[in-house]
Amino acid sequence: MTRYTVTFKLRPPTLIERLWYRRIGLPAPISITATRRSAAWVRLLPQSWTAIHRRYANKHRYYWLTCILCSRSYGGHQSAGSIPDPTAENHNISVGICPHCTRKGRSWRIPDPLEAVIEEIYERHEHGHDPMRPDCVQCLALDAELRDAFKPRP
């Protein structure tokens, strides 16, 4: 049996990458994988400059596909949001969409496992008042559970 190892080096996004995420309407991630410097600035070019984007995608071996929502062509260096794959049986599989559709709010993302845990904690402790009160036993239990969710696991 052959084994493959993949290593990703994560780093905080640069200013240009944060601008890209702001432009397409997504919150910038805390960390991203290392990318070419040229990939960062070329994403800031207008989407309508398809000739430049297509040439860049072909030169750097990124894909060049049409968006399944709006049929605009876009490259792998421009990939932005995603939607659930309509052909997949597993709902956790997604398909990339173009930056234009992402800007229009058509994207969907798989929630982070921690977000799911926090949401479940909040649903369990819903008890009538929104702001947490120090004199409420249920609020104190919610606070303790939230703190425990953020503790590093050994």
Protein backbone atom coordinates (compact mmCIF):
# COMPACT_ATOMS: atom_id res chain seq x y z
CA MET A 1 0.00 0.00 0.00
CA THR A 2 1.35 3.41 -0.99
CA ARG A 3 1.18 6.25 1.50
CA TYR A 4 1.30 9.90 0.60
CA THR A 5 1.99 12.75 2.95
CA VAL A 6 0.78 16.26 2.29
CA THR A 7 2.06 19.16 4.34
CA PHE A 8 0.41 22.58 4.33
CA LYS A 9 2.24 25.56 5.66
CA LEU A 10 -0.28 28.02 7.09
CA ARG A 11 0.27 31.73 7.51
CA PRO A 12 -1.87 34.81 8.19
CA PRO A 13 -3.31 36.44 5.05
CA THR A 14 -1.45 39.46 3.68
CA LEU A 15 -3.06 42.85 3.13
CA ILE A 16 -3.74 42.09 -0.54
CA GLU A 17 -5.38 38.77 0.36
CA ARG A 18 -7.53 40.44 3.02
CA LEU A 19 -8.59 43.00 0.40
CA TRP A 20 -9.55 40.13 -1.94
CA TYR A 21 -11.78 38.53 0.67
CA ARG A 22 -13.38 41.88 1.50
CA ARG A 23 -14.01 42.50 -2.20
CA ILE A 24 -15.85 39.21 -2.68
CA GLY A 25 -17.81 39.65 0.54
CA LEU A 26 -16.30 36.86 2.64
CA PRO A 27 -14.61 37.25 6.02
CA ALA A 28 -10.87 36.69 5.71
CA PRO A 29 -9.71 33.42 7.28
CA ILE A 30 -7.35 33.42 10.24
CA SER A 31 -4.75 31.47 8.29
CA ILE A 32 -4.26 30.38 4.69
CA THR A 33 -1.87 28.15 2.79
CA ALA A 34 1.14 29.66 1.12
CA THR A 35 0.41 31.00 -2.37
CA ARG A 36 2.46 32.64 -5.06
CA ARG A 37 2.86 36.39 -4.68
CA SER A 38 1.56 36.87 -8.21
CA ALA A 39 -1.67 35.01 -7.37
CA ALA A 40 -2.55 37.62 -4.76
CA TRP A 41 -2.43 40.72 -6.96
CA VAL A 42 -3.98 39.13 -10.08
CA ARG A 43 -7.15 38.29 -8.12
CA LEU A 44 -7.69 42.01 -7.52
CA LEU A 45 -8.01 42.68 -11.26
CA PRO A 46 -11.59 43.17 -12.46
CA GLN A 47 -13.49 39.97 -13.25
CA SER A 48 -14.31 41.36 -16.70
CA TRP A 49 -10.64 41.11 -17.75
CA THR A 50 -11.12 37.47 -18.68
CA ALA A 51 -8.25 37.34 -21.18
CA ILE A 52 -5.68 38.19 -18.49
CA HIS A 53 -7.26 35.87 -15.95
CA ARG A 54 -7.46 33.00 -18.44
CA ARG A 55 -3.83 33.46 -19.51
CA TYR A 56 -2.73 33.55 -15.87
CA ALA A 57 -4.73 30.41 -15.01
CA ASN A 58 -3.31 28.49 -17.96
CA LYS A 59 0.25 29.64 -17.28
CA HIS A 60 0.15 28.60 -13.62
CA ARG A 61 -1.88 25.40 -14.22
CA TYR A 62 -5.03 26.55 -12.46
CA TYR A 63 -8.38 25.34 -13.76
CA TRP A 64 -10.53 27.48 -16.07
CA LEU A 65 -14.21 26.55 -15.78
CA THR A 66 -17.64 28.09 -16.07
CA CYS A 67 -19.57 28.85 -12.91
CA ILE A 68 -22.49 26.46 -12.51
CA LEU A 69 -24.75 29.29 -11.31
CA CYS A 70 -24.14 32.10 -13.82
CA SER A 71 -22.02 30.47 -16.61
CA ARG A 72 -19.23 33.08 -16.27
CA SER A 73 -15.76 31.66 -16.79
CA TYR A 74 -13.32 31.94 -13.90
CA GLY A 75 -9.97 30.47 -12.89
CA GLY A 76 -8.73 28.48 -9.94
CA HIS A 77 -6.73 31.47 -8.76
CA GLN A 78 -10.02 33.39 -8.41
CA SER A 79 -12.04 30.71 -6.66
CA ALA A 80 -14.16 32.21 -3.94
CA GLY A 81 -17.29 30.73 -2.39
CA SER A 82 -18.93 27.36 -2.76
CA ILE A 83 -22.36 25.72 -2.79
CA PRO A 84 -23.42 22.17 -1.91
CA ASP A 85 -22.80 19.78 -4.79
CA PRO A 86 -26.24 19.01 -6.25
CA THR A 87 -25.07 15.66 -7.65
CA ALA A 88 -23.45 14.33 -4.46
CA GLU A 89 -25.21 12.11 -1.97
CA ASN A 90 -23.07 13.50 0.87
CA HIS A 91 -24.19 17.04 1.75
CA ASN A 92 -20.69 17.99 2.99
CA ILE A 93 -19.28 18.04 -0.57
CA SER A 94 -19.26 21.42 -2.24
CA VAL A 95 -18.63 22.94 -5.66
CA GLY A 96 -16.75 26.21 -6.19
CA ILE A 97 -18.49 29.24 -7.64
CA CYS A 98 -17.12 32.40 -9.24
CA PRO A 99 -16.28 35.61 -7.34
CA HIS A 100 -19.26 37.40 -8.93
CA CYS A 101 -21.76 34.91 -7.48
CA THR A 102 -19.95 35.04 -4.14
CA ARG A 103 -20.29 38.85 -4.10
CA LYS A 104 -24.02 38.46 -4.77
CA GLY A 105 -24.33 36.33 -1.63
CA ARG A 106 -24.95 32.99 -3.34
CA SER A 107 -22.16 31.12 -1.56
CA TRP A 108 -22.50 28.59 1.22
CA ARG A 109 -19.91 27.19 3.56
CA ILE A 110 -19.60 24.15 5.75
CA PRO A 111 -19.72 25.37 9.35
CA ASP A 112 -16.63 24.96 11.46
CA PRO A 113 -16.99 22.11 14.00
CA LEU A 114 -16.46 24.60 16.84
CA GLU A 115 -19.32 26.75 15.52
CA ALA A 116 -21.59 23.70 15.59
CA VAL A 117 -20.58 22.97 19.19
CA ILE A 118 -21.22 26.58 20.26
CA GLU A 119 -24.59 26.67 18.48
CA GLU A 120 -25.64 23.43 20.21
CA ILE A 121 -24.57 24.85 23.60
CA TYR A 122 -26.60 28.02 23.01
CA GLU A 123 -29.69 26.04 21.95
CA ARG A 124 -29.50 23.89 25.07
CA HIS A 125 -29.21 26.92 27.36
CA GLU A 126 -31.93 29.10 25.82
CA HIS A 127 -34.00 30.25 28.76
CA GLY A 128 -35.76 33.53 28.17
CA HIS A 129 -33.32 36.43 28.37
CA ASP A 130 -30.65 37.41 25.82
CA PRO A 131 -27.91 39.20 27.74
CA MET A 132 -26.07 36.94 30.14
CA ARG A 133 -26.64 37.78 33.80
CA PRO A 134 -24.23 36.99 36.63
CA ASP A 135 -27.13 36.15 38.98
CA CYS A 136 -28.67 33.51 36.65
CA VAL A 137 -27.62 29.89 37.27
CA GLN A 138 -28.31 28.88 33.66
CA CYS A 139 -26.20 31.78 32.35
CA LEU A 140 -23.31 30.68 34.58
CA ALA A 141 -23.64 27.11 33.27
CA LEU A 142 -23.60 28.44 29.69
CA ASP A 143 -20.50 30.49 30.43
CA ALA A 144 -18.72 27.46 31.94
CA GLU A 145 -19.62 25.27 28.95
CA LEU A 146 -18.42 27.89 26.47
CA ARG A 147 -15.12 28.26 28.31
CA ASP A 148 -14.73 24.48 28.30
CA ALA A 149 -15.37 24.36 24.51
CA PHE A 150 -12.42 26.69 23.92
CA LYS A 151 -9.96 24.86 26.18
CA PRO A 152 -7.17 23.09 24.29
CA ARG A 153 -7.54 19.31 24.37
CA PRO A 154 -4.57 17.16 25.46
